[in-house]
Each structure stands twice: as C-alpha cells, then as structure tokens.
Amino acid sequence: MPRVKVTVVPGGKTRILEFGAMPRVRDILEKLGIPLEAAVVVRTRDVKPLLPDEHVGDGEDVTVYVAASTG
C-alpha cells in the first residue's frame, strides 16, 4: 500500500497518507479536502511543481502550498 509523507503550508502540519494504488497529485489533494485550484504540490526533494495527473511514488515526500486569500 503506497504511503506518501505530506506537509501542508501554511501551518507545516505533516501527515502520512496511505493509498490503495500509486496516487496522483489530485488524489492527495482530494484526501486532504483541498481544491485542486487552491494549491501547488511539489516534491520536497527537488521543489519541482507537479501536475494534477502526475503520480507520486511510495515513500516520497511532498509539500502542498495552499493559496491564501486576503479577500
């Protein structure tokens, strides 16, 4: 069962998420309850932005940057 370490910014809260199959970025955001258009997801090791349909491998670390609105 693939596991991904996810840190959400702002806040810096880190969680380990488990998936039945190799997750895509959109699967991670869905599990976190964050709208796709409200976040940028990067691989923590190389800070490369990921596209919604890109897969994230077992044991990888990603950071989710959630857009803040000051309205």
Protein backbone atom coordinates (compact mmCIF):
# COMPACT_ATOMS: atom_id res chain seq x y z
CA MET A 1 0.00 0.00 0.00
CA PRO A 2 1.70 3.25 -1.13
CA ARG A 3 2.41 5.80 1.59
CA VAL A 4 3.23 9.46 0.99
CA LYS A 5 4.53 11.97 3.54
CA VAL A 6 2.68 15.26 3.03
CA THR A 7 3.45 18.64 4.59
CA VAL A 8 0.81 21.36 4.20
CA VAL A 9 1.90 25.03 4.14
CA PRO A 10 0.87 27.32 5.75
CA GLY A 11 0.85 25.56 9.06
CA GLY A 12 3.57 22.99 8.47
CA LYS A 13 1.36 20.07 9.52
CA THR A 14 2.84 16.76 8.30
CA ARG A 15 0.81 13.59 7.71
CA ILE A 16 1.45 10.16 6.27
CA LEU A 17 -1.30 9.26 3.79
CA GLU A 18 -1.96 5.72 2.56
CA PHE A 19 -3.46 4.87 -0.81
CA GLY A 20 -4.68 1.66 -2.46
CA ALA A 21 -2.66 2.40 -5.61
CA MET A 22 0.09 4.85 -6.59
CA PRO A 23 -1.59 8.23 -6.03
CA ARG A 24 -1.78 11.16 -8.38
CA VAL A 25 -1.47 14.72 -7.10
CA ARG A 26 -5.24 15.15 -7.44
CA ASP A 27 -5.77 12.05 -5.21
CA ILE A 28 -3.59 13.56 -2.48
CA LEU A 29 -5.45 16.87 -2.56
CA GLU A 30 -8.82 15.11 -2.56
CA LYS A 31 -7.84 13.10 0.52
CA LEU A 32 -6.78 16.34 2.25
CA GLY A 33 -10.01 18.12 1.24
CA ILE A 34 -8.10 20.84 -0.65
CA PRO A 35 -9.48 22.02 -4.02
CA LEU A 36 -7.14 21.38 -6.95
CA GLU A 37 -7.19 25.03 -7.99
CA ALA A 38 -6.25 26.21 -4.47
CA ALA A 39 -2.85 24.52 -4.15
CA VAL A 40 0.55 23.83 -5.68
CA VAL A 41 2.18 20.49 -4.89
CA VAL A 42 5.94 19.97 -5.11
CA ARG A 43 8.31 17.08 -4.45
CA THR A 44 10.11 18.15 -1.31
CA ARG A 45 13.50 16.89 -2.51
CA ASP A 46 13.65 18.98 -5.69
CA VAL A 47 10.91 21.61 -5.33
CA LYS A 48 9.54 20.77 -8.79
CA PRO A 49 5.85 21.67 -9.18
CA LEU A 50 3.73 18.64 -10.03
CA LEU A 51 0.82 18.49 -12.43
CA PRO A 52 -2.56 17.17 -11.19
CA ASP A 53 -2.23 13.84 -13.04
CA GLU A 54 1.39 13.14 -12.06
CA HIS A 55 1.95 10.12 -9.85
CA VAL A 56 3.74 10.29 -6.53
CA GLY A 57 5.74 7.22 -5.57
CA ASP A 58 5.66 5.15 -2.42
CA GLY A 59 7.72 6.77 0.34
CA GLU A 60 8.02 10.15 -1.38
CA ASP A 61 7.74 13.45 0.48
CA VAL A 62 5.63 16.24 -1.00
CA THR A 63 4.77 19.73 0.16
CA VAL A 64 1.34 21.23 -0.52
CA TYR A 65 1.31 25.03 -0.70
CA VAL A 66 -2.24 26.25 -0.18
CA ALA A 67 -3.12 29.62 -1.67
CA ALA A 68 -4.16 32.21 0.88
CA SER A 69 -6.84 34.74 0.01
CA THR A 70 -6.88 38.09 1.74
CA GLY A 71 -10.18 38.85 0.09
